[in-house]
Each structure stands twice: as C-alpha cells, then as structure tokens.
Amino acid sequence: MIPRDCTPLGLVLVTLAAIAVVVLPGPKPESKAAAIPSLTDVWPDARIGTEAVTGAPYTPLAYLDSGVSAGITRANDSIRLTLGDRVVREVPPSGSPRFVLSQAPDALVWLELSDVTRAGSLWRAGPLGENPVRVTSDVGRVVLLESQYDLVVHDGQVSWMAVRGDATEVRTVALSGGPVTVTPLSGDFALTAWPFATSAAIEQAGPSELVDVRDGRSTKVDGQSVELVDCTPSWCRVQVLRQSGTARFDLMRPDGSERRRVGGKGIRPAFGDVVVLDRYAVVVDDDRGALVLYDTVSGRMADLATEFGTVLARGPFVWWSEGGNEALTWRVLDLRTLKGSA
C-alpha cells in the first residue's frame, strides 16, 4: 500500500519501522536477477504517444486517446481545466483548488475541491468539455487517493467517498442533478471498481476488506501482520514487510488464490490502483530506476521507462512525465495496443 493523500481525514498511520517482522515462507530468490526486456520486445505493437508541454505547467488527468487529454494548466493568475484546445473551466488559484476527473461515454465529470478542506462542488460537461454545469455542492469532505476510483461514473450516476467523523460515506447523485444520497460505512474505506469499497487505512498491515455498497455485504481478505494488502474485486496487491522496507511484492485474488511474486525488495507501486484494465500492474523498480509493467495473464514484465516523474492511469491509459517544467513531456501508453507477447 502506498502513502495516501488522506492526512486531514483522521486516518491512522502505522509506520513500517514499528511493525514486528517475521520471516514468511516464499519463493527462493534467484541467484541472479533476470534481465527485464523493453515494452516493445514483449509487445511489438505497443503504442506510446507523446504530448509535449509548452508554456505553463500542465498535468493530464485523463486521455480520450493517446494524443488528446483533459487536464490542468496552472498559471500565476488562474487554473484552467482543458480538454484538447478547449478551456472547460477557469478558476482563480486562491484556495489551492484541486480537480478530480472522471469520464462517461456522454459526459466529462469532475470535482473542484479545496486542497485544504477537501470540500467543493461536482460539475459535468459534454463529452468534449462543452456546456459545463454545476451538479451539486453537497460533496462533503472528499477522500482522495490519487486513484481512478476517487470519482466513479455508473448507471447514469456518479459516486465518491467522503469522511464524516469516524466513518466514511458513499455519496451518489444523478448526472442530471438532484439530491445526494448517502450510504455510511463504519471505518476507513475508499471506492474501487463499482459497486465495491475497499479498506483505506493508511499503511495498516493485516487483513483487508471489500464491501458491496449496494447491500453492505463484506468480504474479508486475509493478510498477515507483516503484509500490506490493497484490493479491488479482481486483484489484491500484497507488500510483505521487513524493518527496512518491503521484502516482497505479490499479487493475488481476493480469495487468496493465484498468488504470485512480482518482485522482491526495491519494487513498489507506481500509483494507488492495484491493476489497470483488471490485468496490468505498474510498479517502480527502485534498484534499477525503472518504471515496469507486469501482465497478470502472461506473467511477463517489461520496462516502460527509465526516466519518469509523475505516473498516472485511468481507463486503458497509463502516462508518465519526463523532464522538468522547462521541457516537460508526457508519454502515454494505450494498453489496448498490447496484442500478444514475444
């Protein structure tokens, strides 16, 4: 589990150094690490697009395709949400506004939040960013985990998670507007693939939990006292701890089946989501300074980049920054182009 942006939400941080570590049985380490091939060595048809940034700093929040993105441009006098060449919204920088974006086939949906209070409003626009309207200001104190599930569009509605006291609550409203419905959950949770919520305590080792927010049915995911477990309904990420950090990085199904080792020490998640497209895990190999893609179907790993900064994912796209503000470039991989393997 990676550190999460939930400090004002009252979640408890358990530091890795404070956890008593025992040695767990696991795969024996190889005497020499196998070389990891490049992405195109494994998937010759893989397509990585490039988006160069000129002028004010720009961060893509979603891609329509590998060449068109929606994102945030920060200037001294304004913050602009853009989609391609269209300015969708422009707000003053006071209050450090933050945007959380999601997409539907016929709409662009986003939260505008204060970076301090996590309160704000929910907006929608047409699929190309046209005709923006405020849907509601009843958003609560929103949970943000830098995940594609921070804001989930489903069944003509949109849902997000907020904090109230010691509980979290699923908030849902129709895309057309109207009252916000609230479903409380006892404890710390975040949304994952709809209709599930997942345990969201920061760096909390041990078992995890998946809850169907429609009926409240809960599924416990076993985890040892030295394991950090993050889950979606399809895959769980397991980081086996030791006093100096992570000893092993595994993936498994929520029922504990199909557990496999992805890597040893030095491997960590690149972002909050466990997998993308229910198949691919994106990790950072700190020992080699590489951004790596792991395929749960074939078990193959491939290097995406050896120079990277911010790494994000949404839908079928994974993207990362290269360079600094003076010469910033975004590389974007369309995972749908990975057809077959070498």
Foldseek 3Di string as FASTA:
>chain_A
DDFFDCVVQPFDADDQLPFDADDDDDDDDDPDDDDAAAPCQWFVQWDKAKDWDDDFDWDFQAAPDNHWGWTWGDDQAWIFTATRPRTLDIDGCPQNWDKHWDDDPFKTKIFTARSVQQFGFIWIATRRSHDIDTQGRPDANFGGGLALQQWDDDDQKIWHWHHDPQWIWIWMAGNVHDDIDIQIDHHAWTDDPPPWIKHDRGNQFFKIWIARSVPGDIDIAGGDSQWDWDDDQAKIWIFGGDNVGTAFIWMAHSNRPPIDTLDGPQKDALGDDQAAPSFKGWIARRVQQFIKIAGSVVRGIHTHDNAFDRWHDHHQKIKTWGDDRNIIMIMIIRNVSRDGTD
